């Protein structure tokens, strides 16, 4: 684990020796703000590392970011959109309709 300008991230083990620039940002849980989110492959979701927190977030199938609730500008309706939508390096535009499940 390394630190750069106050931002915590995981870096390739060859980061210092050969300058490998592959990094993964460490993201705090949006619910408890204590745990760190990690990806679980078999259910395609991010889970909080804090054992007391049950927060999970669905992963974007296109780029691996989080799917977050957003509002359409046209009618204010809600949908799920990728958290990497506004990032310069990704610009992922994946969206999903929110499914309402009835008992």
PDB file of N, CA and C in Angstrom:
ATOM      1  N   UNK A   1       0.850  -1.168   0.000  1.00  0.00           N
ATOM      2  CA  UNK A   1       0.000   0.000   0.000  1.00  0.00           C
ATOM      3  C   UNK A   1       0.893   1.228   0.000  1.00  0.00           C
ATOM      4  N   UNK A   2       0.511   2.236  -0.762  1.00  0.00           N
ATOM      5  CA  UNK A   2       1.305   3.446  -0.884  1.00  0.00           C
ATOM      6  C   UNK A   2       0.433   4.667  -0.670  1.00  0.00           C
ATOM      7  N   UNK A   3       1.062   5.817  -0.482  1.00  0.00           N
ATOM      8  CA  UNK A   3       0.338   7.064  -0.311  1.00  0.00           C
ATOM      9  C   UNK A   3       0.901   8.103  -1.272  1.00  0.00           C
ATOM     10  N   UNK A   4       0.014   8.874  -1.901  1.00  0.00           N
ATOM     11  CA  UNK A   4       0.436   9.916  -2.817  1.00  0.00           C
ATOM     12  C   UNK A   4      -0.498  11.100  -2.649  1.00  0.00           C
ATOM     13  N   UNK A   5       0.016  12.241  -2.284  1.00  0.00           N
ATOM     14  CA  UNK A   5      -0.758  13.463  -2.102  1.00  0.00           C
ATOM     15  C   UNK A   5      -2.001  13.234  -1.248  1.00  0.00           C
ATOM     16  N   UNK A   6      -1.855  12.459  -0.187  1.00  0.00           N
ATOM     17  CA  UNK A   6      -2.952  12.224   0.731  1.00  0.00           C
ATOM     18  C   UNK A   6      -3.990  11.231   0.256  1.00  0.00           C
ATOM     19  N   UNK A   7      -3.781  10.607  -0.901  1.00  0.00           N
ATOM     20  CA  UNK A   7      -4.736   9.639  -1.436  1.00  0.00           C
ATOM     21  C   UNK A   7      -4.164   8.243  -1.284  1.00  0.00           C
ATOM     22  N   UNK A   8      -4.936   7.336  -0.696  1.00  0.00           N
ATOM     23  CA  UNK A   8      -4.488   5.970  -0.477  1.00  0.00           C
ATOM     24  C   UNK A   8      -4.822   5.120  -1.697  1.00  0.00           C
ATOM     25  N   UNK A   9      -3.865   4.284  -2.131  1.00  0.00           N
ATOM     26  CA  UNK A   9      -4.109   3.403  -3.260  1.00  0.00           C
ATOM     27  C   UNK A   9      -3.228   2.175  -3.171  1.00  0.00           C
ATOM     28  N   UNK A  10      -3.612   1.111  -3.879  1.00  0.00           N
ATOM     29  CA  UNK A  10      -2.775  -0.080  -3.999  1.00  0.00           C
ATOM     30  C   UNK A  10      -1.995   0.052  -5.296  1.00  0.00           C
ATOM     31  N   UNK A  11      -0.716  -0.322  -5.264  1.00  0.00           N
ATOM     32  CA  UNK A  11       0.120  -0.192  -6.457  1.00  0.00           C
ATOM     33  C   UNK A  11       0.794  -1.515  -6.780  1.00  0.00           C
ATOM     34  N   UNK A  12       1.170  -1.667  -8.025  1.00  0.00           N
ATOM     35  CA  UNK A  12       1.910  -2.830  -8.499  1.00  0.00           C
ATOM     36  C   UNK A  12       3.206  -2.959  -7.693  1.00  0.00           C
ATOM     37  N   UNK A  13       3.633  -4.199  -7.424  1.00  0.00           N
ATOM     38  CA  UNK A  13       4.873  -4.401  -6.655  1.00  0.00           C
ATOM     39  C   UNK A  13       6.088  -3.867  -7.402  1.00  0.00           C
ATOM     40  N   UNK A  14       5.978  -3.657  -8.706  1.00  0.00           N
ATOM     41  CA  UNK A  14       7.090  -3.102  -9.491  1.00  0.00           C
ATOM     42  C   UNK A  14       6.958  -1.585  -9.654  1.00  0.00           C
ATOM     43  N   UNK A  15       6.097  -0.962  -8.865  1.00  0.00           N
ATOM     44  CA  UNK A  15       5.850   0.479  -8.950  1.00  0.00           C
ATOM     45  C   UNK A  15       7.135   1.288  -8.810  1.00  0.00           C
ATOM     46  N   UNK A  16       7.938   0.985  -7.781  1.00  0.00           N
ATOM     47  CA  UNK A  16       9.157   1.741  -7.529  1.00  0.00           C
ATOM     48  C   UNK A  16      10.322   1.285  -8.409  1.00  0.00           C
ATOM     49  N   UNK A  17      10.436  -0.013  -8.622  1.00  0.00           N
ATOM     50  CA  UNK A  17      11.617  -0.528  -9.334  1.00  0.00           C
ATOM     51  C   UNK A  17      11.617  -0.255 -10.834  1.00  0.00           C
ATOM     52  N   UNK A  18      10.505  -0.515 -11.520  1.00  0.00           N
ATOM     53  CA  UNK A  18      10.505  -0.298 -12.969  1.00  0.00           C
ATOM     54  C   UNK A  18       9.480   0.739 -13.418  1.00  0.00           C
ATOM     55  N   UNK A  19       8.772   1.331 -12.465  1.00  0.00           N
ATOM     56  CA  UNK A  19       7.831   2.391 -12.797  1.00  0.00           C
ATOM     57  C   UNK A  19       6.481   1.921 -13.303  1.00  0.00           C
ATOM     58  N   UNK A  20       6.100   0.675 -12.973  1.00  0.00           N
ATOM     59  CA  UNK A  20       4.783   0.187 -13.374  1.00  0.00           C
ATOM     60  C   UNK A  20       3.731   1.113 -12.767  1.00  0.00           C
ATOM     61  N   UNK A  21       2.822   1.599 -13.573  1.00  0.00           N
ATOM     62  CA  UNK A  21       1.854   2.586 -13.099  1.00  0.00           C
ATOM     63  C   UNK A  21       0.474   2.009 -12.804  1.00  0.00           C
ATOM     64  N   UNK A  22       0.349   0.679 -12.769  1.00  0.00           N
ATOM     65  CA  UNK A  22      -0.949   0.084 -12.468  1.00  0.00           C
ATOM     66  C   UNK A  22      -1.292   0.316 -11.006  1.00  0.00           C
ATOM     67  N   UNK A  23      -2.413   0.980 -10.754  1.00  0.00           N
ATOM     68  CA  UNK A  23      -2.851   1.254  -9.387  1.00  0.00           C
ATOM     69  C   UNK A  23      -4.345   1.007  -9.263  1.00  0.00           C
ATOM     70  N   UNK A  24      -4.800   0.784  -8.035  1.00  0.00           N
ATOM     71  CA  UNK A  24      -6.223   0.637  -7.728  1.00  0.00           C
ATOM     72  C   UNK A  24      -6.522   1.560  -6.555  1.00  0.00           C
ATOM     73  N   UNK A  25      -7.485   2.462  -6.737  1.00  0.00           N
ATOM     74  CA  UNK A  25      -7.882   3.342  -5.644  1.00  0.00           C
ATOM     75  C   UNK A  25      -8.567   2.534  -4.552  1.00  0.00           C
ATOM     76  N   UNK A  26      -8.306   2.891  -3.305  1.00  0.00           N
ATOM     77  CA  UNK A  26      -8.999   2.271  -2.179  1.00  0.00           C
ATOM     78  C   UNK A  26     -10.167   3.187  -1.836  1.00  0.00           C
ATOM     79  N   UNK A  27     -11.365   2.631  -1.854  1.00  0.00           N
ATOM     80  CA  UNK A  27     -12.568   3.432  -1.682  1.00  0.00           C
ATOM     81  C   UNK A  27     -13.220   3.109  -0.347  1.00  0.00           C
ATOM     82  N   UNK A  28     -13.484   4.164   0.440  1.00  0.00           N
ATOM     83  CA  UNK A  28     -14.174   3.985   1.721  1.00  0.00           C
ATOM     84  C   UNK A  28     -15.632   3.635   1.488  1.00  0.00           C
ATOM     85  N   UNK A  29     -16.170   2.867   2.389  1.00  0.00           N
ATOM     86  CA  UNK A  29     -17.581   2.486   2.336  1.00  0.00           C
ATOM     87  C   UNK A  29     -18.442   3.740   2.448  1.00  0.00           C
ATOM     88  N   UNK A  30     -19.444   3.841   1.582  1.00  0.00           N
ATOM     89  CA  UNK A  30     -20.325   5.006   1.589  1.00  0.00           C
ATOM     90  C   UNK A  30     -21.321   4.974   2.743  1.00  0.00           C
ATOM     91  N   UNK A  31     -21.530   3.800   3.340  1.00  0.00           N
ATOM     92  CA  UNK A  31     -22.488   3.671   4.444  1.00  0.00           C
ATOM     93  C   UNK A  31     -21.848   3.945   5.802  1.00  0.00           C
ATOM     94  N   UNK A  32     -20.789   3.206   6.139  1.00  0.00           N
ATOM     95  CA  UNK A  32     -20.205   3.328   7.482  1.00  0.00           C
ATOM     96  C   UNK A  32     -19.000   4.277   7.531  1.00  0.00           C
ATOM     97  N   UNK A  33     -18.391   4.556   6.397  1.00  0.00           N
ATOM     98  CA  UNK A  33     -17.212   5.436   6.283  1.00  0.00           C
ATOM     99  C   UNK A  33     -16.005   4.931   7.076  1.00  0.00           C
ATOM    100  N   UNK A  34     -16.009   3.659   7.454  1.00  0.00           N
ATOM    101  CA  UNK A  34     -14.887   3.072   8.181  1.00  0.00           C
ATOM    102  C   UNK A  34     -14.233   1.958   7.383  1.00  0.00           C
ATOM    103  N   UNK A  35     -15.056   1.088   6.816  1.00  0.00           N
ATOM    104  CA  UNK A  35     -14.534  -0.039   6.040  1.00  0.00           C
ATOM    105  C   UNK A  35     -14.123   0.380   4.642  1.00  0.00           C
ATOM    106  N   UNK A  36     -13.387  -0.496   3.985  1.00  0.00           N
ATOM    107  CA  UNK A  36     -12.974  -0.278   2.603  1.00  0.00           C
ATOM    108  C   UNK A  36     -13.711  -1.273   1.722  1.00  0.00           C
ATOM    109  N   UNK A  37     -14.129  -0.827   0.560  1.00  0.00           N
ATOM    110  CA  UNK A  37     -14.889  -1.669  -0.349  1.00  0.00           C
ATOM    111  C   UNK A  37     -13.959  -2.620  -1.095  1.00  0.00           C
ATOM    112  N   UNK A  38     -14.353  -3.886  -1.196  1.00  0.00           N
ATOM    113  CA  UNK A  38     -13.582  -4.870  -1.960  1.00  0.00           C
ATOM    114  C   UNK A  38     -14.542  -5.670  -2.836  1.00  0.00           C
ATOM    115  N   UNK A  39     -14.042  -6.153  -3.966  1.00  0.00           N
ATOM    116  CA  UNK A  39     -14.867  -6.840  -4.958  1.00  0.00           C
ATOM    117  C   UNK A  39     -14.921  -8.330  -4.689  1.00  0.00           C
ATOM    118  N   UNK A  40     -16.126  -8.905  -4.779  1.00  0.00           N
ATOM    119  CA  UNK A  40     -16.316 -10.348  -4.659  1.00  0.00           C
ATOM    120  C   UNK A  40     -16.768 -10.853  -6.025  1.00  0.00           C
ATOM    121  N   UNK A  41     -15.935 -11.659  -6.642  1.00  0.00           N
ATOM    122  CA  UNK A  41     -16.149 -12.112  -8.015  1.00  0.00           C
ATOM    123  C   UNK A  41     -17.433 -12.909  -8.201  1.00  0.00           C
ATOM    124  N   UNK A  42     -17.738 -13.831  -7.281  1.00  0.00           N
ATOM    125  CA  UNK A  42     -18.875 -14.731  -7.511  1.00  0.00           C
ATOM    126  C   UNK A  42     -20.239 -14.045  -7.487  1.00  0.00           C
ATOM    127  N   UNK A  43     -20.390 -12.906  -6.812  1.00  0.00           N
ATOM    128  CA  UNK A  43     -21.681 -12.213  -6.856  1.00  0.00           C
ATOM    129  C   UNK A  43     -21.613 -10.860  -7.559  1.00  0.00           C
ATOM    130  N   UNK A  44     -20.439 -10.518  -8.109  1.00  0.00           N
ATOM    131  CA  UNK A  44     -20.257  -9.287  -8.898  1.00  0.00           C
ATOM    132  C   UNK A  44     -20.673  -8.028  -8.140  1.00  0.00           C
ATOM    133  N   UNK A  45     -20.338  -8.017  -6.836  1.00  0.00           N
ATOM    134  CA  UNK A  45     -20.648  -6.856  -6.001  1.00  0.00           C
ATOM    135  C   UNK A  45     -19.434  -6.468  -5.172  1.00  0.00           C
ATOM    136  N   UNK A  46     -19.440  -5.216  -4.737  1.00  0.00           N
ATOM    137  CA  UNK A  46     -18.456  -4.731  -3.785  1.00  0.00           C
ATOM    138  C   UNK A  46     -19.053  -4.873  -2.392  1.00  0.00           C
ATOM    139  N   UNK A  47     -18.236  -5.277  -1.432  1.00  0.00           N
ATOM    140  CA  UNK A  47     -18.656  -5.460  -0.045  1.00  0.00           C
ATOM    141  C   UNK A  47     -17.768  -4.614   0.859  1.00  0.00           C
ATOM    142  N   UNK A  48     -18.306  -4.200   1.991  1.00  0.00           N
ATOM    143  CA  UNK A  48     -17.539  -3.420   2.967  1.00  0.00           C
ATOM    144  C   UNK A  48     -16.700  -4.364   3.827  1.00  0.00           C
ATOM    145  N   UNK A  49     -15.462  -3.961   4.118  1.00  0.00           N
ATOM    146  CA  UNK A  49     -14.576  -4.783   4.945  1.00  0.00           C
ATOM    147  C   UNK A  49     -14.911  -4.704   6.437  1.00  0.00           C
ATOM    148  N   UNK A  50     -15.726  -3.735   6.836  1.00  0.00           N
ATOM    149  CA  UNK A  50     -16.149  -3.593   8.222  1.00  0.00           C
ATOM    150  C   UNK A  50     -17.189  -4.677   8.524  1.00  0.00           C
ATOM    151  N   UNK A  51     -16.891  -5.584   9.428  1.00  0.00           N
ATOM    152  CA  UNK A  51     -17.769  -6.725   9.729  1.00  0.00           C
ATOM    153  C   UNK A  51     -19.147  -6.290  10.243  1.00  0.00           C
ATOM    154  N   UNK A  52     -19.228  -5.116  10.865  1.00  0.00           N
ATOM    155  CA  UNK A  52     -20.501  -4.637  11.392  1.00  0.00           C
ATOM    156  C   UNK A  52     -21.377  -4.000  10.304  1.00  0.00           C
ATOM    157  N   UNK A  53     -20.813  -3.732   9.142  1.00  0.00           N
ATOM    158  CA  UNK A  53     -21.531  -3.068   8.050  1.00  0.00           C
ATOM    159  C   UNK A  53     -21.971  -4.105   7.011  1.00  0.00           C
ATOM    160  N   UNK A  54     -23.176  -3.970   6.514  1.00  0.00           N
ATOM    161  CA  UNK A  54     -23.688  -4.918   5.511  1.00  0.00           C
ATOM    162  C   UNK A  54     -23.804  -4.281   4.129  1.00  0.00           C
ATOM    163  N   UNK A  55     -23.196  -3.125   3.923  1.00  0.00           N
ATOM    164  CA  UNK A  55     -23.293  -2.424   2.649  1.00  0.00           C
ATOM    165  C   UNK A  55     -22.678  -3.229   1.497  1.00  0.00           C
ATOM    166  N   UNK A  56     -23.422  -3.326   0.398  1.00  0.00           N
ATOM    167  CA  UNK A  56     -22.898  -3.897  -0.841  1.00  0.00           C
ATOM    168  C   UNK A  56     -23.289  -2.965  -1.977  1.00  0.00           C
ATOM    169  N   UNK A  57     -22.486  -2.946  -3.028  1.00  0.00           N
ATOM    170  CA  UNK A  57     -22.811  -2.159  -4.206  1.00  0.00           C
ATOM    171  C   UNK A  57     -22.537  -2.994  -5.441  1.00  0.00           C
ATOM    172  N   UNK A  58     -23.478  -2.969  -6.370  1.00  0.00           N
ATOM    173  CA  UNK A  58     -23.355  -3.710  -7.612  1.00  0.00           C
ATOM    174  C   UNK A  58     -22.218  -3.120  -8.451  1.00  0.00           C
ATOM    175  N   UNK A  59     -21.468  -3.992  -9.114  1.00  0.00           N
ATOM    176  CA  UNK A  59     -20.356  -3.550  -9.963  1.00  0.00           C
ATOM    177  C   UNK A  59     -20.823  -3.307 -11.388  1.00  0.00           C
ATOM    178  N   UNK A  60     -20.221  -2.344 -12.054  1.00  0.00           N
ATOM    179  CA  UNK A  60     -20.505  -2.068 -13.462  1.00  0.00           C
ATOM    180  C   UNK A  60     -19.924  -3.214 -14.299  1.00  0.00           C
ATOM    181  N   UNK A  61     -20.739  -3.870 -15.124  1.00  0.00           N
ATOM    182  CA  UNK A  61     -20.234  -4.978 -15.933  1.00  0.00           C
ATOM    183  C   UNK A  61     -19.295  -4.533 -17.053  1.00  0.00           C
ATOM    184  N   UNK A  62     -19.305  -3.252 -17.373  1.00  0.00           N
ATOM    185  CA  UNK A  62     -18.462  -2.743 -18.460  1.00  0.00           C
ATOM    186  C   UNK A  62     -17.049  -2.402 -18.002  1.00  0.00           C
ATOM    187  N   UNK A  63     -16.920  -1.697 -16.849  1.00  0.00           N
ATOM    188  CA  UNK A  63     -15.587  -1.242 -16.432  1.00  0.00           C
ATOM    189  C   UNK A  63     -15.205  -1.636 -15.005  1.00  0.00           C
ATOM    190  N   UNK A  64     -16.156  -2.163 -14.212  1.00  0.00           N
ATOM    191  CA  UNK A  64     -15.849  -2.575 -12.850  1.00  0.00           C
ATOM    192  C   UNK A  64     -16.077  -1.517 -11.794  1.00  0.00           C
ATOM    193  N   UNK A  65     -16.530  -0.322 -12.169  1.00  0.00           N
ATOM    194  CA  UNK A  65     -16.835   0.719 -11.185  1.00  0.00           C
ATOM    195  C   UNK A  65     -18.091   0.357 -10.396  1.00  0.00           C
ATOM    196  N   UNK A  66     -18.516   1.252  -9.518  1.00  0.00           N
ATOM    197  CA  UNK A  66     -19.759   1.062  -8.756  1.00  0.00           C
ATOM    198  C   UNK A  66     -20.939   1.533  -9.593  1.00  0.00           C
ATOM    199  N   UNK A  67     -22.087   0.857  -9.440  1.00  0.00           N
ATOM    200  CA  UNK A  67     -23.318   1.391 -10.005  1.00  0.00           C
ATOM    201  C   UNK A  67     -23.996   2.202  -8.914  1.00  0.00           C
ATOM    202  N   UNK A  68     -24.268   3.468  -9.212  1.00  0.00           N
ATOM    203  CA  UNK A  68     -24.853   4.387  -8.231  1.00  0.00           C
ATOM    204  C   UNK A  68     -26.178   4.927  -8.758  1.00  0.00           C
ATOM    205  N   UNK A  69     -27.058   5.291  -7.843  1.00  0.00           N
ATOM    206  CA  UNK A  69     -28.361   5.826  -8.222  1.00  0.00           C
ATOM    207  C   UNK A  69     -28.183   7.242  -8.756  1.00  0.00           C
ATOM    208  N   UNK A  70     -28.768   7.502  -9.926  1.00  0.00           N
ATOM    209  CA  UNK A  70     -28.724   8.818 -10.556  1.00  0.00           C
ATOM    210  C   UNK A  70     -30.137   9.213 -10.983  1.00  0.00           C
ATOM    211  N   UNK A  71     -30.306  10.503 -11.292  1.00  0.00           N
ATOM    212  CA  UNK A  71     -31.595  11.011 -11.764  1.00  0.00           C
ATOM    213  C   UNK A  71     -31.470  11.513 -13.193  1.00  0.00           C
ATOM    214  N   UNK A  72     -32.451  11.126 -14.025  1.00  0.00           N
ATOM    215  CA  UNK A  72     -32.492  11.618 -15.404  1.00  0.00           C
ATOM    216  C   UNK A  72     -32.820  13.103 -15.408  1.00  0.00           C
ATOM    217  N   UNK A  73     -32.159  13.839 -16.289  1.00  0.00           N
ATOM    218  CA  UNK A  73     -32.448  15.275 -16.409  1.00  0.00           C
ATOM    219  C   UNK A  73     -33.813  15.518 -17.037  1.00  0.00           C
ATOM    220  N   UNK A  74     -34.209  14.648 -17.959  1.00  0.00           N
ATOM    221  CA  UNK A  74     -35.456  14.865 -18.698  1.00  0.00           C
ATOM    222  C   UNK A  74     -36.706  14.791 -17.826  1.00  0.00           C
ATOM    223  N   UNK A  75     -36.779  13.789 -16.957  1.00  0.00           N
ATOM    224  CA  UNK A  75     -38.003  13.618 -16.165  1.00  0.00           C
ATOM    225  C   UNK A  75     -37.753  13.379 -14.674  1.00  0.00           C
ATOM    226  N   UNK A  76     -36.495  13.379 -14.246  1.00  0.00           N
ATOM    227  CA  UNK A  76     -36.172  13.178 -12.834  1.00  0.00           C
ATOM    228  C   UNK A  76     -36.229  11.739 -12.379  1.00  0.00           C
ATOM    229  N   UNK A  77     -36.546  10.812 -13.308  1.00  0.00           N
ATOM    230  CA  UNK A  77     -36.618   9.400 -12.960  1.00  0.00           C
ATOM    231  C   UNK A  77     -35.265   8.850 -12.545  1.00  0.00           C
ATOM    232  N   UNK A  78     -35.283   7.819 -11.729  1.00  0.00           N
ATOM    233  CA  UNK A  78     -34.034   7.232 -11.227  1.00  0.00           C
ATOM    234  C   UNK A  78     -33.551   6.081 -12.097  1.00  0.00           C
ATOM    235  N   UNK A  79     -32.242   5.924 -12.162  1.00  0.00           N
ATOM    236  CA  UNK A  79     -31.610   4.811 -12.857  1.00  0.00           C
ATOM    237  C   UNK A  79     -30.266   4.544 -12.196  1.00  0.00           C
ATOM    238  N   UNK A  80     -29.638   3.414 -12.519  1.00  0.00           N
ATOM    239  CA  UNK A  80     -28.297   3.128 -12.026  1.00  0.00           C
ATOM    240  C   UNK A  80     -27.299   3.510 -13.112  1.00  0.00           C
ATOM    241  N   UNK A  81     -26.280   4.252 -12.727  1.00  0.00           N
ATOM    242  CA  UNK A  81     -25.236   4.668 -13.652  1.00  0.00           C
ATOM    243  C   UNK A  81     -23.874   4.388 -13.057  1.00  0.00           C
ATOM    244  N   UNK A  82     -22.882   4.230 -13.914  1.00  0.00           N
ATOM    245  CA  UNK A  82     -21.530   3.920 -13.458  1.00  0.00           C
ATOM    246  C   UNK A  82     -20.889   5.104 -12.740  1.00  0.00           C
ATOM    247  N   UNK A  83     -20.170   4.805 -11.658  1.00  0.00           N
ATOM    248  CA  UNK A  83     -19.473   5.850 -10.897  1.00  0.00           C
ATOM    249  C   UNK A  83     -18.304   6.446 -11.680  1.00  0.00           C
ATOM    250  N   UNK A  84     -17.867   5.774 -12.738  1.00  0.00           N
ATOM    251  CA  UNK A  84     -16.768   6.288 -13.563  1.00  0.00           C
ATOM    252  C   UNK A  84     -17.252   7.171 -14.710  1.00  0.00           C
ATOM    253  N   UNK A  85     -18.509   7.561 -14.692  1.00  0.00           N
ATOM    254  CA  UNK A  85     -19.078   8.368 -15.771  1.00  0.00           C
ATOM    255  C   UNK A  85     -18.331   9.685 -15.972  1.00  0.00           C
ATOM    256  N   UNK A  86     -17.994  10.358 -14.886  1.00  0.00           N
ATOM    257  CA  UNK A  86     -17.398  11.689 -15.002  1.00  0.00           C
ATOM    258  C   UNK A  86     -15.874  11.703 -14.925  1.00  0.00           C
ATOM    259  N   UNK A  87     -15.242  10.552 -14.828  1.00  0.00           N
ATOM    260  CA  UNK A  87     -13.781  10.513 -14.733  1.00  0.00           C
ATOM    261  C   UNK A  87     -13.155  10.662 -16.111  1.00  0.00           C
ATOM    262  N   UNK A  88     -12.098  11.437 -16.193  1.00  0.00           N
ATOM    263  CA  UNK A  88     -11.427  11.705 -17.471  1.00  0.00           C
ATOM    264  C   UNK A  88     -10.905  10.446 -18.136  1.00  0.00           C
ATOM    265  N   UNK A  89     -10.281   9.559 -17.346  1.00  0.00           N
ATOM    266  CA  UNK A  89      -9.630   8.395 -17.939  1.00  0.00           C
ATOM    267  C   UNK A  89     -10.585   7.275 -18.331  1.00  0.00           C
ATOM    268  N   UNK A  90     -11.805   7.244 -17.803  1.00  0.00           N
ATOM    269  CA  UNK A  90     -12.719   6.144 -18.108  1.00  0.00           C
ATOM    270  C   UNK A  90     -13.888   6.567 -18.984  1.00  0.00           C
ATOM    271  N   UNK A  91     -14.673   7.518 -18.525  1.00  0.00           N
ATOM    272  CA  UNK A  91     -15.880   7.969 -19.215  1.00  0.00           C
ATOM    273  C   UNK A  91     -16.829   6.823 -19.531  1.00  0.00           C
ATOM    274  N   UNK A  92     -17.066   5.952 -18.576  1.00  0.00           N
ATOM    275  CA  UNK A  92     -17.981   4.831 -18.766  1.00  0.00           C
ATOM    276  C   UNK A  92     -19.415   5.350 -18.752  1.00  0.00           C
ATOM    277  N   UNK A  93     -20.207   4.966 -19.741  1.00  0.00           N
ATOM    278  CA  UNK A  93     -21.575   5.453 -19.846  1.00  0.00           C
ATOM    279  C   UNK A  93     -22.606   4.352 -19.634  1.00  0.00           C
ATOM    280  N   UNK A  94     -22.209   3.288 -18.945  1.00  0.00           N
ATOM    281  CA  UNK A  94     -23.123   2.174 -18.691  1.00  0.00           C
ATOM    282  C   UNK A  94     -24.253   2.614 -17.763  1.00  0.00           C
ATOM    283  N   UNK A  95     -25.483   2.230 -18.097  1.00  0.00           N
ATOM    284  CA  UNK A  95     -26.648   2.508 -17.249  1.00  0.00           C
ATOM    285  C   UNK A  95     -27.546   1.278 -17.181  1.00  0.00           C
ATOM    286  N   UNK A  96     -28.380   1.233 -16.160  1.00  0.00           N
ATOM    287  CA  UNK A  96     -29.367   0.168 -15.964  1.00  0.00           C
ATOM    288  C   UNK A  96     -30.622   0.785 -15.396  1.00  0.00           C
ATOM    289  N   UNK A  97     -31.758   0.271 -15.817  1.00  0.00           N
ATOM    290  CA  UNK A  97     -33.013   0.693 -15.200  1.00  0.00           C
ATOM    291  C   UNK A  97     -33.088   0.090 -13.797  1.00  0.00           C
ATOM    292  N   UNK A  98     -33.726   0.798 -12.894  1.00  0.00           N
ATOM    293  CA  UNK A  98     -33.939   0.282 -11.543  1.00  0.00           C
ATOM    294  C   UNK A  98     -35.177  -0.593 -11.569  1.00  0.00           C
ATOM    295  N   UNK A  99     -35.010  -1.822 -11.147  1.00  0.00           N
ATOM    296  CA  UNK A  99     -36.121  -2.763 -11.118  1.00  0.00           C
ATOM    297  C   UNK A  99     -36.805  -2.712  -9.762  1.00  0.00           C
ATOM    298  N   UNK A 100     -38.104  -2.553  -9.813  1.00  0.00           N
ATOM    299  CA  UNK A 100     -38.873  -2.568  -8.574  1.00  0.00           C
ATOM    300  C   UNK A 100     -39.436  -3.968  -8.416  1.00  0.00           C
ATOM    301  N   UNK A 101     -39.084  -4.598  -7.287  1.00  0.00           N
ATOM    302  CA  UNK A 101     -39.562  -5.954  -7.030  1.00  0.00           C
ATOM    303  C   UNK A 101     -40.711  -5.912  -6.048  1.00  0.00           C
ATOM    304  N   UNK A 102     -41.791  -6.565  -6.417  1.00  0.00           N
ATOM    305  CA  UNK A 102     -42.969  -6.632  -5.560  1.00  0.00           C
ATOM    306  C   UNK A 102     -43.048  -7.992  -4.888  1.00  0.00           C
ATOM    307  N   UNK A 103     -43.472  -8.028  -3.626  1.00  0.00           N
ATOM    308  CA  UNK A 103     -43.563  -9.317  -2.930  1.00  0.00           C
ATOM    309  C   UNK A 103     -44.620 -10.230  -3.487  1.00  0.00           C
TER     310      UNK A 103
END
